[in-house]
């Protein structure tokens, strides 16, 4: 929204800088909560949630979450063919009859719904959204009709593997976010270096 209102500036730069500013503001709020939290009862839970874990996820949580996830995923699957058209130039997509702004808003709303509902019970598990779609694209190509279900299955498999490692690699259970960051950050650097070439 901020990027679309900045007419005389590069929208990508504005979007990145807006993300940095919002991230800093929310990071300050989280730091304040950590300082005010009780160090023996509340702080360990906050820290573990910030790094992500499946420890608190059981049948009850999955039952409560399933309708919300289905509500979020179903429109994305029904509209996945439009994602291919959104990858075209804006004028080309409009000429094919795609309502670009409305489609973008629908996709953002339902993607946010899926992400927020998952984060509400697992905490923040970083880098999965960058790592998995890129690997899926290498496997099946850029066609979203195949890319979306492949990303879904690959993401679930990747998290199952990292959760297994988090529970077995050390004498204590590690937060999953540590392992996903250890995989995701080098992969991101690889993408940056490949992009420069």
N, C-alpha and C. Protein backbone atom coordinates (compact mmCIF):
# COMPACT_ATOMS: atom_id res chain seq x y z
N UNK A 1 0.82 -1.19 0.00
CA UNK A 1 0.00 0.00 0.00
C UNK A 1 0.87 1.26 0.00
N UNK A 2 1.92 1.26 0.82
CA UNK A 2 2.83 2.40 0.87
C UNK A 2 3.52 2.58 -0.47
N UNK A 3 3.96 1.45 -1.06
CA UNK A 3 4.67 1.51 -2.35
C UNK A 3 3.76 2.05 -3.45
N UNK A 4 2.49 1.69 -3.43
CA UNK A 4 1.57 2.15 -4.48
C UNK A 4 1.27 3.64 -4.37
N UNK A 5 1.40 4.21 -3.16
CA UNK A 5 1.12 5.64 -2.97
C UNK A 5 2.34 6.51 -3.23
N UNK A 6 3.52 5.92 -3.33
CA UNK A 6 4.74 6.69 -3.59
C UNK A 6 4.95 6.78 -5.09
N UNK A 7 4.50 7.88 -5.70
CA UNK A 7 4.46 7.96 -7.16
C UNK A 7 5.80 8.29 -7.77
N UNK A 8 6.60 9.12 -7.11
CA UNK A 8 7.84 9.60 -7.72
C UNK A 8 9.06 8.78 -7.33
N UNK A 9 8.86 7.65 -6.64
CA UNK A 9 9.99 6.85 -6.18
C UNK A 9 9.85 5.42 -6.67
N UNK A 10 10.96 4.72 -6.64
CA UNK A 10 10.97 3.31 -7.05
C UNK A 10 10.11 2.51 -6.07
N UNK A 11 9.02 1.86 -6.53
CA UNK A 11 8.13 1.16 -5.60
C UNK A 11 8.80 0.00 -4.87
N UNK A 12 9.75 -0.67 -5.51
CA UNK A 12 10.44 -1.79 -4.85
C UNK A 12 11.29 -1.28 -3.70
N UNK A 13 12.02 -0.17 -3.93
CA UNK A 13 12.83 0.42 -2.88
C UNK A 13 11.97 0.88 -1.71
N UNK A 14 10.84 1.53 -2.03
CA UNK A 14 9.92 2.00 -0.98
C UNK A 14 9.38 0.81 -0.19
N UNK A 15 9.05 -0.28 -0.89
CA UNK A 15 8.53 -1.48 -0.24
C UNK A 15 9.56 -2.08 0.72
N UNK A 16 10.81 -2.17 0.27
CA UNK A 16 11.88 -2.73 1.11
C UNK A 16 12.12 -1.85 2.33
N UNK A 17 12.21 -0.54 2.11
CA UNK A 17 12.46 0.38 3.22
C UNK A 17 11.28 0.41 4.20
N UNK A 18 10.06 0.30 3.67
CA UNK A 18 8.88 0.22 4.55
C UNK A 18 8.92 -1.04 5.40
N UNK A 19 9.33 -2.15 4.78
CA UNK A 19 9.46 -3.41 5.52
C UNK A 19 10.49 -3.32 6.63
N UNK A 20 11.61 -2.65 6.34
CA UNK A 20 12.65 -2.48 7.36
C UNK A 20 12.13 -1.63 8.51
N UNK A 21 11.42 -0.54 8.18
CA UNK A 21 10.88 0.35 9.22
C UNK A 21 9.85 -0.36 10.09
N UNK A 22 8.93 -1.09 9.46
CA UNK A 22 7.89 -1.81 10.21
C UNK A 22 8.52 -2.91 11.05
N UNK A 23 9.51 -3.62 10.47
CA UNK A 23 10.21 -4.67 11.22
C UNK A 23 10.93 -4.12 12.45
N UNK A 24 11.54 -2.96 12.31
CA UNK A 24 12.23 -2.33 13.45
C UNK A 24 11.24 -1.93 14.53
N UNK A 25 10.11 -1.37 14.11
CA UNK A 25 9.09 -0.94 15.07
C UNK A 25 8.52 -2.14 15.83
N UNK A 26 8.18 -3.20 15.12
CA UNK A 26 7.64 -4.39 15.77
C UNK A 26 8.70 -5.09 16.62
N UNK A 27 9.96 -5.06 16.15
CA UNK A 27 11.06 -5.62 16.94
C UNK A 27 11.23 -4.90 18.26
N UNK A 28 11.04 -3.58 18.25
CA UNK A 28 11.12 -2.80 19.49
C UNK A 28 10.00 -3.21 20.44
N UNK A 29 8.79 -3.45 19.89
CA UNK A 29 7.68 -3.89 20.73
C UNK A 29 7.94 -5.26 21.34
N UNK A 30 8.52 -6.17 20.56
CA UNK A 30 8.85 -7.51 21.08
C UNK A 30 9.92 -7.41 22.16
N UNK A 31 10.92 -6.57 21.94
CA UNK A 31 11.97 -6.38 22.95
C UNK A 31 11.38 -5.85 24.25
N UNK A 32 10.42 -4.92 24.15
CA UNK A 32 9.77 -4.39 25.34
C UNK A 32 9.02 -5.48 26.08
N UNK A 33 8.30 -6.33 25.35
CA UNK A 33 7.59 -7.45 25.98
C UNK A 33 8.55 -8.40 26.68
N UNK A 34 9.71 -8.65 26.07
CA UNK A 34 10.70 -9.55 26.68
C UNK A 34 11.27 -8.96 27.96
N UNK A 35 11.46 -7.64 27.98
CA UNK A 35 11.97 -6.98 29.19
C UNK A 35 10.94 -7.03 30.31
N UNK A 36 9.66 -6.83 29.96
CA UNK A 36 8.60 -6.80 30.97
C UNK A 36 8.17 -8.20 31.42
N UNK A 37 8.51 -9.23 30.65
CA UNK A 37 8.07 -10.59 30.97
C UNK A 37 8.80 -11.15 32.18
N UNK A 38 8.11 -12.04 32.88
CA UNK A 38 8.73 -12.73 34.02
C UNK A 38 9.81 -13.67 33.49
N UNK A 39 11.06 -13.55 33.97
CA UNK A 39 12.15 -14.35 33.39
C UNK A 39 12.04 -15.85 33.62
N UNK A 40 11.23 -16.28 34.56
CA UNK A 40 11.15 -17.71 34.87
C UNK A 40 9.94 -18.39 34.24
N UNK A 41 8.83 -17.66 34.09
CA UNK A 41 7.62 -18.30 33.57
C UNK A 41 7.27 -17.87 32.14
N UNK A 42 7.43 -16.58 31.83
CA UNK A 42 6.97 -16.07 30.54
C UNK A 42 8.08 -15.96 29.49
N UNK A 43 9.27 -15.56 29.91
CA UNK A 43 10.35 -15.30 28.94
C UNK A 43 10.75 -16.54 28.13
N UNK A 44 10.88 -17.73 28.74
CA UNK A 44 11.22 -18.91 27.92
C UNK A 44 10.19 -19.21 26.84
N UNK A 45 8.90 -19.02 27.17
CA UNK A 45 7.84 -19.26 26.18
C UNK A 45 7.91 -18.25 25.04
N UNK A 46 8.17 -16.98 25.37
CA UNK A 46 8.28 -15.94 24.34
C UNK A 46 9.46 -16.24 23.42
N UNK A 47 10.60 -16.57 24.01
CA UNK A 47 11.80 -16.85 23.22
C UNK A 47 11.60 -18.06 22.32
N UNK A 48 10.98 -19.11 22.86
CA UNK A 48 10.75 -20.32 22.07
C UNK A 48 9.77 -20.05 20.94
N UNK A 49 8.75 -19.21 21.20
CA UNK A 49 7.77 -18.88 20.17
C UNK A 49 8.40 -18.05 19.06
N UNK A 50 9.33 -17.16 19.42
CA UNK A 50 9.99 -16.32 18.42
C UNK A 50 10.88 -17.15 17.49
N UNK A 51 11.34 -18.30 17.95
CA UNK A 51 12.19 -19.16 17.13
C UNK A 51 11.42 -20.32 16.49
N UNK A 52 10.15 -20.50 16.87
CA UNK A 52 9.30 -21.50 16.25
C UNK A 52 9.46 -22.90 16.80
N UNK A 53 8.34 -23.59 16.98
CA UNK A 53 8.36 -24.96 17.50
C UNK A 53 7.01 -25.63 17.25
N UNK A 54 7.05 -26.96 17.10
CA UNK A 54 5.82 -27.75 16.99
C UNK A 54 5.45 -28.41 18.31
N UNK A 55 6.13 -28.04 19.39
CA UNK A 55 5.90 -28.68 20.69
C UNK A 55 4.46 -28.53 21.15
N UNK A 56 3.88 -27.34 20.97
CA UNK A 56 2.53 -27.07 21.47
C UNK A 56 1.44 -27.49 20.48
N UNK A 57 1.82 -28.05 19.34
CA UNK A 57 0.84 -28.40 18.32
C UNK A 57 0.36 -29.83 18.52
N UNK A 58 -0.93 -29.98 18.73
CA UNK A 58 -1.53 -31.30 18.91
C UNK A 58 -2.78 -31.44 18.05
N UNK A 59 -3.53 -32.50 18.30
CA UNK A 59 -4.75 -32.76 17.53
C UNK A 59 -5.77 -31.63 17.72
N UNK A 60 -5.87 -31.13 18.96
CA UNK A 60 -6.83 -30.07 19.26
C UNK A 60 -6.53 -28.82 18.44
N UNK A 61 -5.26 -28.42 18.42
CA UNK A 61 -4.86 -27.22 17.68
C UNK A 61 -5.08 -27.39 16.17
N UNK A 62 -4.74 -28.58 15.67
CA UNK A 62 -4.93 -28.85 14.23
C UNK A 62 -6.41 -28.86 13.85
N UNK A 63 -7.26 -29.38 14.74
CA UNK A 63 -8.70 -29.40 14.49
C UNK A 63 -9.26 -27.98 14.44
N UNK A 64 -8.78 -27.13 15.36
CA UNK A 64 -9.24 -25.74 15.37
C UNK A 64 -8.75 -24.97 14.15
N UNK A 65 -7.55 -25.30 13.71
CA UNK A 65 -6.90 -24.55 12.63
C UNK A 65 -7.33 -24.99 11.24
N UNK A 66 -7.74 -26.25 11.10
CA UNK A 66 -8.04 -26.81 9.77
C UNK A 66 -9.07 -26.01 8.97
N UNK A 67 -10.21 -25.60 9.56
CA UNK A 67 -11.18 -24.83 8.76
C UNK A 67 -10.59 -23.51 8.24
N UNK A 68 -9.78 -22.85 9.05
CA UNK A 68 -9.18 -21.57 8.64
C UNK A 68 -8.19 -21.80 7.50
N UNK A 69 -7.37 -22.85 7.63
CA UNK A 69 -6.39 -23.15 6.57
C UNK A 69 -7.08 -23.55 5.27
N UNK A 70 -8.13 -24.35 5.36
CA UNK A 70 -8.87 -24.74 4.16
C UNK A 70 -9.49 -23.51 3.50
N UNK A 71 -10.06 -22.61 4.33
CA UNK A 71 -10.64 -21.37 3.83
C UNK A 71 -9.59 -20.51 3.14
N UNK A 72 -8.35 -20.55 3.63
CA UNK A 72 -7.28 -19.76 3.03
C UNK A 72 -6.67 -20.40 1.79
N UNK A 73 -6.50 -21.71 1.83
CA UNK A 73 -5.82 -22.41 0.73
C UNK A 73 -6.72 -22.60 -0.50
N UNK A 74 -8.01 -22.84 -0.27
CA UNK A 74 -8.93 -23.12 -1.39
C UNK A 74 -8.96 -22.00 -2.43
N UNK A 75 -9.14 -20.72 -2.05
CA UNK A 75 -9.11 -19.67 -3.08
C UNK A 75 -7.77 -19.57 -3.81
N UNK A 76 -6.67 -19.84 -3.09
CA UNK A 76 -5.35 -19.80 -3.74
C UNK A 76 -5.24 -20.87 -4.82
N UNK A 77 -5.78 -22.06 -4.53
CA UNK A 77 -5.75 -23.13 -5.53
C UNK A 77 -6.66 -22.82 -6.71
N UNK A 78 -7.82 -22.22 -6.43
CA UNK A 78 -8.75 -21.89 -7.50
C UNK A 78 -8.22 -20.77 -8.40
N UNK A 79 -7.39 -19.89 -7.83
CA UNK A 79 -6.86 -18.74 -8.59
C UNK A 79 -5.43 -18.95 -9.06
N UNK A 80 -4.87 -20.16 -8.91
CA UNK A 80 -3.45 -20.32 -9.21
C UNK A 80 -3.12 -20.12 -10.69
N UNK A 81 -4.08 -20.34 -11.57
CA UNK A 81 -3.83 -20.08 -13.00
C UNK A 81 -3.67 -18.59 -13.25
N UNK A 82 -4.34 -17.75 -12.43
CA UNK A 82 -4.19 -16.30 -12.59
C UNK A 82 -2.81 -15.82 -12.17
N UNK A 83 -2.16 -16.56 -11.29
CA UNK A 83 -0.80 -16.17 -10.88
C UNK A 83 0.15 -16.19 -12.06
N UNK A 84 -0.05 -17.14 -12.98
CA UNK A 84 0.78 -17.16 -14.20
C UNK A 84 0.59 -15.88 -15.01
N UNK A 85 -0.64 -15.39 -15.06
CA UNK A 85 -0.93 -14.17 -15.83
C UNK A 85 -0.41 -12.93 -15.11
N UNK A 86 -0.40 -12.95 -13.77
CA UNK A 86 0.13 -11.81 -13.03
C UNK A 86 1.64 -11.68 -13.20
N UNK A 87 2.29 -12.77 -13.60
CA UNK A 87 3.74 -12.71 -13.85
C UNK A 87 4.05 -11.97 -15.15
N UNK A 88 3.04 -11.78 -16.00
CA UNK A 88 3.23 -11.03 -17.24
C UNK A 88 3.30 -9.53 -16.94
N UNK A 89 3.58 -8.75 -17.98
CA UNK A 89 3.50 -7.29 -17.84
C UNK A 89 2.06 -6.91 -17.49
N UNK A 90 1.91 -5.80 -16.77
CA UNK A 90 0.59 -5.39 -16.31
C UNK A 90 -0.39 -5.17 -17.46
N UNK A 91 0.08 -4.55 -18.53
CA UNK A 91 -0.80 -4.29 -19.69
C UNK A 91 -1.25 -5.59 -20.35
N UNK A 92 -0.35 -6.55 -20.43
CA UNK A 92 -0.69 -7.85 -21.03
C UNK A 92 -1.74 -8.58 -20.19
N UNK A 93 -1.55 -8.54 -18.87
CA UNK A 93 -2.50 -9.21 -17.97
C UNK A 93 -3.88 -8.55 -18.07
N UNK A 94 -3.90 -7.22 -18.14
CA UNK A 94 -5.18 -6.50 -18.27
C UNK A 94 -5.86 -6.84 -19.59
N UNK A 95 -5.07 -6.95 -20.66
CA UNK A 95 -5.66 -7.26 -21.97
C UNK A 95 -6.27 -8.66 -22.00
N UNK A 96 -5.82 -9.54 -21.11
CA UNK A 96 -6.38 -10.89 -21.02
C UNK A 96 -7.59 -10.95 -20.09
N UNK A 97 -8.00 -9.78 -19.58
CA UNK A 97 -9.22 -9.71 -18.76
C UNK A 97 -9.02 -9.98 -17.29
N UNK A 98 -7.80 -9.88 -16.79
CA UNK A 98 -7.53 -10.13 -15.37
C UNK A 98 -7.67 -8.83 -14.59
N UNK A 99 -8.57 -8.78 -13.59
CA UNK A 99 -8.63 -7.60 -12.72
C UNK A 99 -7.44 -7.63 -11.75
N UNK A 100 -6.36 -6.95 -12.11
CA UNK A 100 -5.08 -7.11 -11.43
C UNK A 100 -5.15 -6.74 -9.95
N UNK A 101 -5.63 -5.53 -9.66
CA UNK A 101 -5.65 -5.07 -8.27
C UNK A 101 -6.51 -5.97 -7.39
N UNK A 102 -7.70 -6.32 -7.88
CA UNK A 102 -8.60 -7.17 -7.09
C UNK A 102 -7.98 -8.54 -6.85
N UNK A 103 -7.36 -9.11 -7.89
CA UNK A 103 -6.72 -10.42 -7.74
C UNK A 103 -5.57 -10.36 -6.74
N UNK A 104 -4.78 -9.30 -6.81
CA UNK A 104 -3.67 -9.14 -5.85
C UNK A 104 -4.19 -9.06 -4.42
N UNK A 105 -5.24 -8.26 -4.22
CA UNK A 105 -5.79 -8.12 -2.87
C UNK A 105 -6.33 -9.45 -2.35
N UNK A 106 -7.02 -10.19 -3.20
CA UNK A 106 -7.56 -11.50 -2.79
C UNK A 106 -6.42 -12.43 -2.40
N UNK A 107 -5.38 -12.49 -3.23
CA UNK A 107 -4.24 -13.37 -2.95
C UNK A 107 -3.54 -12.97 -1.65
N UNK A 108 -3.35 -11.67 -1.44
CA UNK A 108 -2.67 -11.20 -0.23
C UNK A 108 -3.50 -11.52 1.01
N UNK A 109 -4.82 -11.30 0.94
CA UNK A 109 -5.69 -11.55 2.10
C UNK A 109 -5.66 -13.03 2.49
N UNK A 110 -5.82 -13.93 1.52
CA UNK A 110 -5.89 -15.36 1.85
C UNK A 110 -4.52 -15.94 2.20
N UNK A 111 -3.46 -15.42 1.60
CA UNK A 111 -2.11 -15.85 1.98
C UNK A 111 -1.80 -15.41 3.40
N UNK A 112 -2.20 -14.17 3.75
CA UNK A 112 -2.00 -13.67 5.11
C UNK A 112 -2.80 -14.49 6.11
N UNK A 113 -4.01 -14.88 5.75
CA UNK A 113 -4.85 -15.70 6.63
C UNK A 113 -4.16 -17.04 6.93
N UNK A 114 -3.63 -17.69 5.89
CA UNK A 114 -2.92 -18.97 6.08
C UNK A 114 -1.68 -18.79 6.95
N UNK A 115 -0.89 -17.77 6.64
CA UNK A 115 0.36 -17.54 7.37
C UNK A 115 0.09 -17.22 8.83
N UNK A 116 -0.86 -16.30 9.08
CA UNK A 116 -1.15 -15.88 10.45
C UNK A 116 -1.69 -17.03 11.29
N UNK A 117 -2.55 -17.86 10.70
CA UNK A 117 -3.10 -18.98 11.46
C UNK A 117 -2.03 -20.01 11.80
N UNK A 118 -1.09 -20.25 10.88
CA UNK A 118 0.01 -21.19 11.16
C UNK A 118 0.95 -20.64 12.22
N UNK A 119 1.29 -19.35 12.11
CA UNK A 119 2.21 -18.72 13.07
C UNK A 119 1.59 -18.66 14.46
N UNK A 120 0.26 -18.57 14.53
CA UNK A 120 -0.40 -18.46 15.84
C UNK A 120 -0.17 -19.69 16.72
N UNK A 121 0.10 -20.85 16.13
CA UNK A 121 0.33 -22.04 16.97
C UNK A 121 1.77 -22.55 16.92
N UNK A 122 2.53 -22.19 15.89
CA UNK A 122 3.90 -22.71 15.79
C UNK A 122 4.96 -21.67 16.15
N UNK A 123 4.58 -20.40 16.13
CA UNK A 123 5.58 -19.35 16.29
C UNK A 123 6.19 -19.02 14.94
N UNK A 124 7.24 -18.21 14.98
CA UNK A 124 7.87 -17.73 13.75
C UNK A 124 8.94 -18.72 13.30
N UNK A 125 8.71 -19.36 12.17
CA UNK A 125 9.69 -20.27 11.58
C UNK A 125 10.17 -19.62 10.29
N UNK A 126 11.32 -18.99 10.35
CA UNK A 126 11.79 -18.18 9.25
C UNK A 126 12.38 -18.97 8.09
N UNK A 127 12.47 -18.31 6.94
CA UNK A 127 13.15 -18.75 5.73
C UNK A 127 12.42 -19.82 4.93
N UNK A 128 11.38 -20.43 5.48
CA UNK A 128 10.68 -21.49 4.74
C UNK A 128 10.02 -20.92 3.49
N UNK A 129 9.43 -19.73 3.61
CA UNK A 129 8.75 -19.10 2.48
C UNK A 129 9.68 -18.66 1.36
N UNK A 130 10.96 -18.56 1.65
CA UNK A 130 11.94 -18.23 0.60
C UNK A 130 12.55 -19.51 0.01
N UNK A 131 12.93 -20.40 0.89
CA UNK A 131 13.67 -21.60 0.49
C UNK A 131 12.81 -22.57 -0.33
N UNK A 132 11.64 -22.91 0.19
CA UNK A 132 10.81 -23.96 -0.42
C UNK A 132 10.30 -23.59 -1.81
N UNK A 133 9.71 -22.39 -2.03
CA UNK A 133 9.24 -22.09 -3.39
C UNK A 133 10.35 -22.06 -4.44
N UNK A 134 11.56 -21.62 -4.04
CA UNK A 134 12.66 -21.61 -5.01
C UNK A 134 13.07 -23.04 -5.40
N UNK A 135 13.12 -23.93 -4.42
CA UNK A 135 13.45 -25.33 -4.72
C UNK A 135 12.35 -25.97 -5.56
N UNK A 136 11.08 -25.66 -5.22
CA UNK A 136 9.96 -26.19 -6.00
C UNK A 136 10.01 -25.69 -7.44
N UNK A 137 10.41 -24.43 -7.62
CA UNK A 137 10.53 -23.87 -8.97
C UNK A 137 11.61 -24.58 -9.78
N UNK A 138 12.70 -24.95 -9.10
CA UNK A 138 13.76 -25.70 -9.77
C UNK A 138 13.27 -27.09 -10.20
N UNK A 139 12.35 -27.66 -9.42
CA UNK A 139 11.86 -29.02 -9.70
C UNK A 139 10.79 -29.05 -10.79
N UNK A 140 9.80 -28.13 -10.72
CA UNK A 140 8.64 -28.22 -11.62
C UNK A 140 8.49 -27.02 -12.56
N UNK A 141 9.36 -26.03 -12.44
CA UNK A 141 9.25 -24.86 -13.31
C UNK A 141 8.39 -23.77 -12.69
N UNK A 142 8.12 -22.74 -13.49
CA UNK A 142 7.45 -21.53 -12.98
C UNK A 142 5.93 -21.55 -13.13
N UNK A 143 5.37 -22.65 -13.64
CA UNK A 143 3.92 -22.74 -13.81
C UNK A 143 3.25 -22.92 -12.45
N UNK A 144 2.46 -21.93 -12.01
CA UNK A 144 1.86 -21.96 -10.68
C UNK A 144 0.84 -23.07 -10.51
N UNK A 145 0.31 -23.59 -11.60
CA UNK A 145 -0.63 -24.71 -11.49
C UNK A 145 0.06 -25.91 -10.85
N UNK A 146 1.35 -26.11 -11.16
CA UNK A 146 2.14 -27.18 -10.52
C UNK A 146 2.94 -26.66 -9.33
N UNK A 147 3.36 -25.41 -9.40
CA UNK A 147 4.26 -24.86 -8.39
C UNK A 147 3.60 -24.75 -7.02
N UNK A 148 2.33 -24.35 -6.98
CA UNK A 148 1.65 -24.17 -5.69
C UNK A 148 1.49 -25.48 -4.93
N UNK A 149 0.94 -26.56 -5.54
CA UNK A 149 0.84 -27.82 -4.78
C UNK A 149 2.21 -28.42 -4.45
N UNK A 150 3.19 -28.25 -5.35
CA UNK A 150 4.54 -28.75 -5.06
C UNK A 150 5.15 -28.03 -3.87
N UNK A 151 4.97 -26.71 -3.81
CA UNK A 151 5.49 -25.93 -2.69
C UNK A 151 4.83 -26.36 -1.39
N UNK A 152 3.53 -26.65 -1.45
CA UNK A 152 2.79 -27.08 -0.26
C UNK A 152 3.34 -28.40 0.28
N UNK A 153 3.51 -29.38 -0.61
CA UNK A 153 4.02 -30.69 -0.19
C UNK A 153 5.49 -30.63 0.23
N UNK A 154 6.28 -29.86 -0.51
CA UNK A 154 7.70 -29.72 -0.20
C UNK A 154 7.90 -28.99 1.13
N UNK A 155 7.08 -27.96 1.37
CA UNK A 155 7.16 -27.22 2.63
C UNK A 155 6.83 -28.10 3.83
N UNK A 156 5.77 -28.91 3.69
CA UNK A 156 5.40 -29.83 4.77
C UNK A 156 6.51 -30.85 5.03
N UNK A 157 7.10 -31.38 3.96
CA UNK A 157 8.19 -32.37 4.10
C UNK A 157 9.43 -31.74 4.73
N UNK A 158 9.75 -30.51 4.30
CA UNK A 158 10.91 -29.81 4.85
C UNK A 158 10.74 -29.54 6.34
N UNK A 159 9.54 -29.11 6.75
CA UNK A 159 9.30 -28.84 8.17
C UNK A 159 9.27 -30.13 8.99
N UNK A 160 8.77 -31.20 8.41
CA UNK A 160 8.79 -32.50 9.11
C UNK A 160 10.23 -32.96 9.34
N UNK A 161 11.07 -32.78 8.33
CA UNK A 161 12.48 -33.15 8.45
C UNK A 161 13.20 -32.29 9.49
N UNK A 162 12.99 -30.96 9.44
CA UNK A 162 13.67 -30.08 10.40
C UNK A 162 13.15 -30.31 11.82
N UNK A 163 11.86 -30.63 11.97
CA UNK A 163 11.33 -30.92 13.30
C UNK A 163 11.95 -32.19 13.86
N UNK A 164 12.11 -33.20 13.00
CA UNK A 164 12.76 -34.45 13.44
C UNK A 164 14.20 -34.19 13.87
N UNK A 165 14.92 -33.39 13.08
CA UNK A 165 16.30 -33.05 13.45
C UNK A 165 16.35 -32.24 14.74
N UNK A 166 15.40 -31.30 14.90
CA UNK A 166 15.37 -30.46 16.10
C UNK A 166 15.16 -31.28 17.36
N UNK A 167 14.45 -32.40 17.24
CA UNK A 167 14.17 -33.25 18.40
C UNK A 167 15.27 -34.29 18.66
N UNK A 168 16.11 -34.56 17.65
CA UNK A 168 17.07 -35.66 17.80
C UNK A 168 18.54 -35.24 17.77
N UNK A 169 18.85 -34.06 17.23
CA UNK A 169 20.25 -33.70 17.02
C UNK A 169 20.97 -33.33 18.31
N UNK A 170 20.24 -32.94 19.34
CA UNK A 170 20.87 -32.56 20.62
C UNK A 170 20.08 -33.18 21.76
N UNK A 171 20.62 -33.05 22.97
CA UNK A 171 19.95 -33.62 24.14
C UNK A 171 18.70 -32.85 24.51
N UNK A 172 18.60 -31.57 24.08
CA UNK A 172 17.39 -30.79 24.28
C UNK A 172 16.76 -30.51 22.91
N UNK A 173 15.46 -30.20 22.93
CA UNK A 173 14.79 -29.90 21.65
C UNK A 173 15.15 -28.49 21.22
N UNK A 174 15.70 -28.38 20.03
CA UNK A 174 16.06 -27.07 19.48
C UNK A 174 14.83 -26.44 18.82
N UNK A 175 14.71 -25.12 18.87
CA UNK A 175 13.65 -24.47 18.09
C UNK A 175 13.90 -24.69 16.59
N UNK A 176 12.83 -24.93 15.85
CA UNK A 176 12.96 -25.21 14.41
C UNK A 176 13.56 -24.03 13.67
N UNK A 177 13.26 -22.81 14.14
CA UNK A 177 13.74 -21.61 13.47
C UNK A 177 15.25 -21.56 13.35
N UNK A 178 15.96 -22.16 14.30
CA UNK A 178 17.43 -22.19 14.23
C UNK A 178 17.88 -23.02 13.03
N UNK A 179 17.25 -24.18 12.83
CA UNK A 179 17.63 -25.05 11.72
C UNK A 179 17.21 -24.48 10.37
N UNK A 180 16.00 -23.88 10.30
CA UNK A 180 15.57 -23.31 9.02
C UNK A 180 16.42 -22.10 8.65
N UNK A 181 16.86 -21.33 9.66
CA UNK A 181 17.76 -20.20 9.38
C UNK A 181 19.11 -20.69 8.90
N UNK A 182 19.58 -21.80 9.49
CA UNK A 182 20.87 -22.37 9.07
C UNK A 182 20.82 -22.85 7.62
N UNK A 183 19.64 -23.28 7.16
CA UNK A 183 19.48 -23.68 5.75
C UNK A 183 19.16 -22.49 4.85
N UNK A 184 18.29 -21.60 5.33
CA UNK A 184 17.77 -20.52 4.50
C UNK A 184 18.75 -19.41 4.22
N UNK A 185 19.53 -18.99 5.22
CA UNK A 185 20.45 -17.86 5.03
C UNK A 185 21.53 -18.16 3.97
N UNK A 186 22.20 -19.33 4.02
CA UNK A 186 23.16 -19.63 2.94
C UNK A 186 22.50 -19.73 1.56
N UNK A 187 21.28 -20.27 1.52
CA UNK A 187 20.57 -20.38 0.25
C UNK A 187 20.26 -18.99 -0.31
N UNK A 188 19.88 -18.06 0.57
CA UNK A 188 19.61 -16.68 0.16
C UNK A 188 20.87 -16.03 -0.40
N UNK A 189 22.01 -16.24 0.25
CA UNK A 189 23.28 -15.71 -0.25
C UNK A 189 23.62 -16.31 -1.62
N UNK A 190 23.33 -17.60 -1.78
CA UNK A 190 23.55 -18.26 -3.07
C UNK A 190 22.69 -17.61 -4.16
N UNK A 191 21.42 -17.31 -3.84
CA UNK A 191 20.55 -16.66 -4.81
C UNK A 191 21.05 -15.28 -5.19
N UNK A 192 21.56 -14.54 -4.18
CA UNK A 192 22.10 -13.21 -4.46
C UNK A 192 23.32 -13.29 -5.37
N UNK A 193 24.21 -14.23 -5.08
CA UNK A 193 25.42 -14.38 -5.91
C UNK A 193 25.07 -14.84 -7.32
N UNK A 194 24.11 -15.74 -7.44
CA UNK A 194 23.69 -16.22 -8.75
C UNK A 194 23.02 -15.10 -9.55
N UNK A 195 22.26 -14.23 -8.83
CA UNK A 195 21.62 -13.11 -9.49
C UNK A 195 22.61 -12.10 -10.04
N UNK A 196 23.75 -11.93 -9.36
CA UNK A 196 24.77 -11.00 -9.83
C UNK A 196 25.46 -11.51 -11.08
N UNK A 197 25.58 -12.85 -11.20
CA UNK A 197 26.21 -13.43 -12.39
C UNK A 197 25.27 -13.36 -13.58
